[in-house]
Amino acid sequence: MVDQQAFKDAMSQLAAAVAIVTTGTEEEPHGTTVSAFMSLSLDPPMVLVSLDQKSSLLALLAEGASIGINVLSTEQDGLARRFADKSVDRFAGVAWAMADGAPQLAGDHTWVAGTVARKIAAGDHVLVLVDVQAATVNTNCPLLYWQREFGTHGTIAHAQEVRG
């Protein structure tokens, strides 16, 4: 079996979008930071989010529950840290509004909303499969997590030449 630290080091080499997964109501919003989020299916539109089994958000995500995925922009690295911190009121002082049944953060890069289709236990995490009901994209740059640091994506100049 692979050493846990070696596995963590190897996984830190994968650049991942940073998102805040949300659910709840206007009176009781809930959310947490994730980097394990991906597109799953085009027909029907589905995404997958991976949450730690100990996540307090996970208990709120029964089948059919509304869920939002706020893919963060580069200006939102502070929110990524805030929503990863269990000791603070994550929504205090944060600009957000209910959209498509879930809390949407102002200034996000991409918004995906839907309902929980299924939860699948996977090691110390649970895979949450989401039937997508809405999706929007803003023109700002996405926040990425790579080598345990926040950053963003830049286009490679010769890639433009190859496509052009």
C-alpha atoms as a PDB file:
ATOM      1  CA  MET A   1       0.000   0.000   0.000  1.00  0.00           C
ATOM      2  CA  VAL A   2       1.211   3.508  -0.841  1.00  0.00           C
ATOM      3  CA  ASP A   3       2.497   5.689   1.992  1.00  0.00           C
ATOM      4  CA  GLN A   4      -0.139   8.339   2.872  1.00  0.00           C
ATOM      5  CA  GLN A   5       2.349  11.227   2.701  1.00  0.00           C
ATOM      6  CA  ALA A   6       3.630  10.063  -0.704  1.00  0.00           C
ATOM      7  CA  PHE A   7       0.026   9.892  -1.938  1.00  0.00           C
ATOM      8  CA  LYS A   8      -0.765  13.385  -0.587  1.00  0.00           C
ATOM      9  CA  ASP A   9       2.406  14.750  -2.209  1.00  0.00           C
ATOM     10  CA  ALA A  10       1.503  13.151  -5.548  1.00  0.00           C
ATOM     11  CA  MET A  11      -2.067  14.509  -5.426  1.00  0.00           C
ATOM     12  CA  SER A  12      -0.759  18.016  -4.626  1.00  0.00           C
ATOM     13  CA  GLN A  13       0.719  18.005  -8.144  1.00  0.00           C
ATOM     14  CA  LEU A  14      -2.754  17.986  -9.720  1.00  0.00           C
ATOM     15  CA  ALA A  15      -4.177  21.441 -10.381  1.00  0.00           C
ATOM     16  CA  ALA A  16      -7.812  21.581  -9.266  1.00  0.00           C
ATOM     17  CA  ALA A  17     -10.561  24.175  -9.370  1.00  0.00           C
ATOM     18  CA  VAL A  18     -11.540  25.465  -5.938  1.00  0.00           C
ATOM     19  CA  ALA A  19     -15.255  25.499  -5.169  1.00  0.00           C
ATOM     20  CA  ILE A  20     -17.571  26.179  -2.273  1.00  0.00           C
ATOM     21  CA  VAL A  21     -20.445  23.719  -2.116  1.00  0.00           C
ATOM     22  CA  THR A  22     -23.605  25.168  -0.578  1.00  0.00           C
ATOM     23  CA  THR A  23     -27.048  24.113   0.561  1.00  0.00           C
ATOM     24  CA  GLY A  24     -29.665  25.384   2.970  1.00  0.00           C
ATOM     25  CA  THR A  25     -32.086  28.264   3.146  1.00  0.00           C
ATOM     26  CA  GLU A  26     -31.872  32.045   3.295  1.00  0.00           C
ATOM     27  CA  GLU A  27     -32.114  31.790   7.089  1.00  0.00           C
ATOM     28  CA  GLU A  28     -29.692  28.864   7.413  1.00  0.00           C
ATOM     29  CA  PRO A  29     -27.080  28.691   4.657  1.00  0.00           C
ATOM     30  CA  HIS A  30     -24.351  26.061   4.813  1.00  0.00           C
ATOM     31  CA  GLY A  31     -21.187  25.655   2.782  1.00  0.00           C
ATOM     32  CA  THR A  32     -17.709  24.163   2.640  1.00  0.00           C
ATOM     33  CA  THR A  33     -14.616  24.449   0.451  1.00  0.00           C
ATOM     34  CA  VAL A  34     -13.747  21.571  -1.899  1.00  0.00           C
ATOM     35  CA  SER A  35     -11.243  20.893  -4.643  1.00  0.00           C
ATOM     36  CA  ALA A  36     -12.657  17.466  -5.556  1.00  0.00           C
ATOM     37  CA  PHE A  37     -15.362  18.475  -8.027  1.00  0.00           C
ATOM     38  CA  MET A  38     -15.795  17.435 -11.639  1.00  0.00           C
ATOM     39  CA  SER A  39     -18.110  17.181 -14.601  1.00  0.00           C
ATOM     40  CA  LEU A  40     -19.627  13.695 -14.729  1.00  0.00           C
ATOM     41  CA  SER A  41     -22.157  13.468 -17.567  1.00  0.00           C
ATOM     42  CA  LEU A  42     -23.522  15.576 -20.407  1.00  0.00           C
ATOM     43  CA  ASP A  43     -26.684  13.528 -20.979  1.00  0.00           C
ATOM     44  CA  PRO A  44     -28.151  13.980 -18.442  1.00  0.00           C
ATOM     45  CA  PRO A  45     -26.084  16.927 -17.119  1.00  0.00           C
ATOM     46  CA  MET A  46     -24.390  15.764 -13.904  1.00  0.00           C
ATOM     47  CA  VAL A  47     -21.455  16.738 -11.707  1.00  0.00           C
ATOM     48  CA  LEU A  48     -19.720  14.966  -8.847  1.00  0.00           C
ATOM     49  CA  VAL A  49     -18.517  16.446  -5.562  1.00  0.00           C
ATOM     50  CA  SER A  50     -16.412  14.555  -3.026  1.00  0.00           C
ATOM     51  CA  LEU A  51     -16.997  15.348   0.662  1.00  0.00           C
ATOM     52  CA  ASP A  52     -15.261  13.996   3.763  1.00  0.00           C
ATOM     53  CA  GLN A  53     -17.494  11.578   5.690  1.00  0.00           C
ATOM     54  CA  LYS A  54     -17.120  13.893   8.704  1.00  0.00           C
ATOM     55  CA  SER A  55     -18.346  16.955   6.772  1.00  0.00           C
ATOM     56  CA  SER A  56     -21.261  18.675   8.519  1.00  0.00           C
ATOM     57  CA  LEU A  57     -22.559  19.667   5.060  1.00  0.00           C
ATOM     58  CA  LEU A  58     -22.830  16.024   4.012  1.00  0.00           C
ATOM     59  CA  ALA A  59     -25.537  15.312   6.589  1.00  0.00           C
ATOM     60  CA  LEU A  60     -27.714  18.016   4.974  1.00  0.00           C
ATOM     61  CA  LEU A  61     -27.475  16.523   1.483  1.00  0.00           C
ATOM     62  CA  ALA A  62     -30.200  13.894   1.304  1.00  0.00           C
ATOM     63  CA  GLU A  63     -31.366  12.652  -2.092  1.00  0.00           C
ATOM     64  CA  GLY A  64     -33.330  15.431  -3.785  1.00  0.00           C
ATOM     65  CA  ALA A  65     -31.731  18.227  -1.709  1.00  0.00           C
ATOM     66  CA  SER A  66     -30.777  21.426  -3.498  1.00  0.00           C
ATOM     67  CA  ILE A  67     -27.056  21.982  -3.864  1.00  0.00           C
ATOM     68  CA  GLY A  68     -24.931  24.758  -5.343  1.00  0.00           C
ATOM     69  CA  ILE A  69     -21.339  24.640  -6.513  1.00  0.00           C
ATOM     70  CA  ASN A  70     -19.623  28.029  -6.528  1.00  0.00           C
ATOM     71  CA  VAL A  71     -16.403  27.633  -8.535  1.00  0.00           C
ATOM     72  CA  LEU A  72     -14.330  30.466  -7.115  1.00  0.00           C
ATOM     73  CA  SER A  73     -12.577  33.282  -8.950  1.00  0.00           C
ATOM     74  CA  THR A  74      -9.012  34.396  -8.241  1.00  0.00           C
ATOM     75  CA  GLU A  75     -10.342  37.230  -6.069  1.00  0.00           C
ATOM     76  CA  GLN A  76     -11.950  34.695  -3.702  1.00  0.00           C
ATOM     77  CA  ASP A  77      -8.983  32.889  -2.149  1.00  0.00           C
ATOM     78  CA  GLY A  78      -9.980  34.406   1.211  1.00  0.00           C
ATOM     79  CA  LEU A  79     -13.410  32.766   0.883  1.00  0.00           C
ATOM     80  CA  ALA A  80     -11.759  29.421   0.109  1.00  0.00           C
ATOM     81  CA  ARG A  81      -9.849  29.645   3.403  1.00  0.00           C
ATOM     82  CA  ARG A  82     -12.880  30.940   5.333  1.00  0.00           C
ATOM     83  CA  PHE A  83     -15.211  28.138   4.187  1.00  0.00           C
ATOM     84  CA  ALA A  84     -12.536  25.556   5.042  1.00  0.00           C
ATOM     85  CA  ASP A  85     -12.386  26.867   8.644  1.00  0.00           C
ATOM     86  CA  LYS A  86     -14.799  25.048  10.962  1.00  0.00           C
ATOM     87  CA  SER A  87     -14.430  27.617  13.754  1.00  0.00           C
ATOM     88  CA  VAL A  88     -16.064  30.629  12.047  1.00  0.00           C
ATOM     89  CA  ASP A  89     -19.522  31.637  10.853  1.00  0.00           C
ATOM     90  CA  ARG A  90     -18.708  31.062   7.210  1.00  0.00           C
ATOM     91  CA  PHE A  91     -21.455  33.304   5.767  1.00  0.00           C
ATOM     92  CA  ALA A  92     -21.003  36.267   8.173  1.00  0.00           C
ATOM     93  CA  GLY A  93     -20.189  39.359   6.130  1.00  0.00           C
ATOM     94  CA  VAL A  94     -20.137  37.409   2.851  1.00  0.00           C
ATOM     95  CA  ALA A  95     -22.158  38.649  -0.144  1.00  0.00           C
ATOM     96  CA  TRP A  96     -24.513  35.907  -1.337  1.00  0.00           C
ATOM     97  CA  ALA A  97     -28.093  35.261  -2.409  1.00  0.00           C
ATOM     98  CA  MET A  98     -30.353  32.283  -2.948  1.00  0.00           C
ATOM     99  CA  ALA A  99     -30.260  31.125  -6.586  1.00  0.00           C
ATOM    100  CA  ASP A 100     -31.705  27.970  -8.094  1.00  0.00           C
ATOM    101  CA  GLY A 101     -32.498  26.637  -4.596  1.00  0.00           C
ATOM    102  CA  ALA A 102     -29.040  27.099  -3.006  1.00  0.00           C
ATOM    103  CA  PRO A 103     -26.796  29.902  -1.683  1.00  0.00           C
ATOM    104  CA  GLN A 104     -24.734  31.500  -4.479  1.00  0.00           C
ATOM    105  CA  LEU A 105     -21.708  33.600  -3.586  1.00  0.00           C
ATOM    106  CA  ALA A 106     -21.248  36.964  -5.307  1.00  0.00           C
ATOM    107  CA  GLY A 107     -18.305  37.128  -7.711  1.00  0.00           C
ATOM    108  CA  ASP A 108     -17.915  33.407  -8.337  1.00  0.00           C
ATOM    109  CA  HIS A 109     -16.320  32.189 -11.578  1.00  0.00           C
ATOM    110  CA  THR A 110     -18.846  29.472 -12.393  1.00  0.00           C
ATOM    111  CA  TRP A 111     -22.182  28.544 -10.801  1.00  0.00           C
ATOM    112  CA  VAL A 112     -23.647  25.067 -11.031  1.00  0.00           C
ATOM    113  CA  ALA A 113     -26.854  24.186  -9.189  1.00  0.00           C
ATOM    114  CA  GLY A 114     -28.982  21.102  -8.977  1.00  0.00           C
ATOM    115  CA  THR A 115     -30.283  18.345  -6.761  1.00  0.00           C
ATOM    116  CA  VAL A 116     -28.553  15.436  -5.098  1.00  0.00           C
ATOM    117  CA  ALA A 117     -29.153  12.328  -7.209  1.00  0.00           C
ATOM    118  CA  ARG A 118     -27.156   9.827  -5.181  1.00  0.00           C
ATOM    119  CA  LYS A 119     -24.432   9.469  -2.542  1.00  0.00           C
ATOM    120  CA  ILE A 120     -21.766   6.777  -2.807  1.00  0.00           C
ATOM    121  CA  ALA A 121     -19.356   5.882   0.010  1.00  0.00           C
ATOM    122  CA  ALA A 122     -15.738   5.914  -1.216  1.00  0.00           C
ATOM    123  CA  GLY A 123     -13.016   5.388   1.404  1.00  0.00           C
ATOM    124  CA  ASP A 124     -13.066   8.228   3.923  1.00  0.00           C
ATOM    125  CA  HIS A 125     -15.163  10.367   1.550  1.00  0.00           C
ATOM    126  CA  VAL A 126     -18.631  10.288  -0.011  1.00  0.00           C
ATOM    127  CA  LEU A 127     -19.201  11.004  -3.693  1.00  0.00           C
ATOM    128  CA  VAL A 128     -22.244  13.222  -4.177  1.00  0.00           C
ATOM    129  CA  LEU A 129     -23.756  12.880  -7.664  1.00  0.00           C
ATOM    130  CA  VAL A 130     -25.716  15.971  -8.681  1.00  0.00           C
ATOM    131  CA  ASP A 131     -28.379  16.343 -11.378  1.00  0.00           C
ATOM    132  CA  VAL A 132     -27.608  19.806 -12.804  1.00  0.00           C
ATOM    133  CA  GLN A 133     -30.528  22.248 -13.188  1.00  0.00           C
ATOM    134  CA  ALA A 134     -28.619  25.499 -13.848  1.00  0.00           C
ATOM    135  CA  ALA A 135     -25.149  26.648 -14.877  1.00  0.00           C
ATOM    136  CA  THR A 136     -23.613  30.072 -15.532  1.00  0.00           C
ATOM    137  CA  VAL A 137     -20.102  31.363 -16.208  1.00  0.00           C
ATOM    138  CA  ASN A 138     -18.611  34.778 -15.429  1.00  0.00           C
ATOM    139  CA  THR A 139     -15.704  36.384 -17.278  1.00  0.00           C
ATOM    140  CA  ASN A 140     -13.291  36.438 -14.312  1.00  0.00           C
ATOM    141  CA  CYS A 141     -10.431  33.929 -13.881  1.00  0.00           C
ATOM    142  CA  PRO A 142     -10.854  30.661 -11.944  1.00  0.00           C
ATOM    143  CA  LEU A 143      -9.081  30.004  -8.649  1.00  0.00           C
ATOM    144  CA  LEU A 144      -6.916  26.871  -8.773  1.00  0.00           C
ATOM    145  CA  TYR A 145      -5.187  24.855  -6.062  1.00  0.00           C
ATOM    146  CA  TRP A 146      -1.796  23.347  -6.950  1.00  0.00           C
ATOM    147  CA  GLN A 147       1.156  22.329  -4.785  1.00  0.00           C
ATOM    148  CA  ARG A 148      -0.836  23.406  -1.708  1.00  0.00           C
ATOM    149  CA  GLU A 149      -1.048  26.995  -3.024  1.00  0.00           C
ATOM    150  CA  PHE A 150      -3.752  29.081  -4.697  1.00  0.00           C
ATOM    151  CA  GLY A 151      -3.174  30.382  -8.206  1.00  0.00           C
ATOM    152  CA  THR A 152      -4.828  30.619 -11.597  1.00  0.00           C
ATOM    153  CA  HIS A 153      -4.562  29.382 -15.156  1.00  0.00           C
ATOM    154  CA  GLY A 154      -2.654  31.036 -17.954  1.00  0.00           C
ATOM    155  CA  THR A 155      -2.821  30.217 -21.648  1.00  0.00           C
ATOM    156  CA  ILE A 156       0.326  28.864 -23.283  1.00  0.00           C
ATOM    157  CA  ALA A 157       1.234  31.092 -26.237  1.00  0.00           C
ATOM    158  CA  HIS A 158       2.064  28.254 -28.657  1.00  0.00           C
ATOM    159  CA  ALA A 159      -1.235  26.535 -27.856  1.00  0.00           C
ATOM    160  CA  GLN A 160      -3.008  29.529 -29.391  1.00  0.00           C
ATOM    161  CA  GLU A 161      -0.870  29.174 -32.543  1.00  0.00           C
ATOM    162  CA  VAL A 162      -1.702  25.470 -32.897  1.00  0.00           C
ATOM    163  CA  ARG A 163      -5.450  26.121 -32.617  1.00  0.00           C
ATOM    164  CA  GLY A 164      -5.395  29.226 -34.814  1.00  0.00           C
END
